[in-house]
C-alpha atoms as a PDB file:
ATOM      1  CA  MET A   1      16.241   8.237  11.102  1.00  0.00           C
ATOM      2  CA  LYS A   2      14.062   6.328  13.525  1.00  0.00           C
ATOM      3  CA  THR A   3      10.994   6.166  11.281  1.00  0.00           C
ATOM      4  CA  LYS A   4      12.906   4.066   8.763  1.00  0.00           C
ATOM      5  CA  ARG A   5      13.505   1.485  11.478  1.00  0.00           C
ATOM      6  CA  LEU A   6       9.848   1.558  12.481  1.00  0.00           C
ATOM      7  CA  ILE A   7       8.742   0.902   8.928  1.00  0.00           C
ATOM      8  CA  SER A   8      11.239  -1.886   8.399  1.00  0.00           C
ATOM      9  CA  PHE A   9       9.967  -3.562  11.568  1.00  0.00           C
ATOM     10  CA  GLY A  10       6.412  -3.041  10.381  1.00  0.00           C
ATOM     11  CA  VAL A  11       5.205  -1.349  13.531  1.00  0.00           C
ATOM     12  CA  THR A  12       1.443  -1.453  13.241  1.00  0.00           C
ATOM     13  CA  ASP A  13       0.217  -1.663  16.813  1.00  0.00           C
ATOM     14  CA  PHE A  14      -0.506   1.696  18.347  1.00  0.00           C
ATOM     15  CA  ALA A  15       1.187   1.004  21.669  1.00  0.00           C
ATOM     16  CA  SER A  16       4.646   0.685  20.186  1.00  0.00           C
ATOM     17  CA  VAL A  17       4.085   3.752  18.019  1.00  0.00           C
ATOM     18  CA  LYS A  18       3.089   5.706  21.107  1.00  0.00           C
ATOM     19  CA  ARG A  19       6.092   4.379  23.020  1.00  0.00           C
ATOM     20  CA  GLU A  20       8.439   5.310  20.177  1.00  0.00           C
ATOM     21  CA  ALA A  21       6.882   8.766  19.924  1.00  0.00           C
ATOM     22  CA  SER A  22       7.325   9.467  23.618  1.00  0.00           C
ATOM     23  CA  ARG A  23      10.909   8.217  23.456  1.00  0.00           C
ATOM     24  CA  MET A  24      11.607  10.584  20.561  1.00  0.00           C
ATOM     25  CA  ASP A  25       9.701  13.350  22.380  1.00  0.00           C
ATOM     26  CA  ILE A  26       7.335  14.125  19.508  1.00  0.00           C
ATOM     27  CA  SER A  27       3.594  13.799  19.185  1.00  0.00           C
ATOM     28  CA  VAL A  28       2.124  10.520  18.012  1.00  0.00           C
ATOM     29  CA  SER A  29       0.446  12.213  15.046  1.00  0.00           C
ATOM     30  CA  GLU A  30       3.788  13.707  14.017  1.00  0.00           C
ATOM     31  CA  LEU A  31       5.431  10.286  14.168  1.00  0.00           C
ATOM     32  CA  VAL A  32       2.614   8.739  12.133  1.00  0.00           C
ATOM     33  CA  ARG A  33       2.877  11.563   9.625  1.00  0.00           C
ATOM     34  CA  ARG A  34       6.614  10.908   9.269  1.00  0.00           C
ATOM     35  CA  ILE A  35       6.074   7.190   8.831  1.00  0.00           C
ATOM     36  CA  VAL A  36       3.417   7.734   6.182  1.00  0.00           C
ATOM     37  CA  ARG A  37       5.502  10.329   4.334  1.00  0.00           C
ATOM     38  CA  ASP A  38       8.479   7.982   4.440  1.00  0.00           C
ATOM     39  CA  TRP A  39       6.378   5.079   3.204  1.00  0.00           C
ATOM     40  CA  LEU A  40       4.930   7.161   0.366  1.00  0.00           C
ATOM     41  CA  ASP A  41       8.404   8.296  -0.666  1.00  0.00           C
ATOM     42  CA  LYS A  42       9.547   4.690  -0.761  1.00  0.00           C
ATOM     43  CA  ALA A  43       6.529   3.665  -2.823  1.00  0.00           C
ATOM     44  CA  ARG A  44       7.098   6.532  -5.230  1.00  0.00           C
ATOM     45  CA  LYS A  45      10.780   5.675  -5.632  1.00  0.00           C
ATOM     46  CA  SER A  46      10.127   1.997  -6.239  1.00  0.00           C
ATOM     47  CA  SER A  47       7.435   2.738  -8.816  1.00  0.00           C
ATOM     48  CA  LYS A  48       9.860   5.053 -10.643  1.00  0.00           C
ATOM     49  CA  ALA A  49      12.513   2.354 -10.626  1.00  0.00           C
ATOM     50  CA  ARG A  50      10.204  -0.020 -12.500  1.00  0.00           C
END
């Protein structure tokens, strides 16, 4: 999934998020929501692993 790549590249500037969202043909807020959900899942998994 594309959001994984975004997170691994640490996309923080809004312009590239917007560009990625328009390329994927989804709203920016939806893309941000996916990134955050993905990031939270990762954090939850890594805290369980400890």
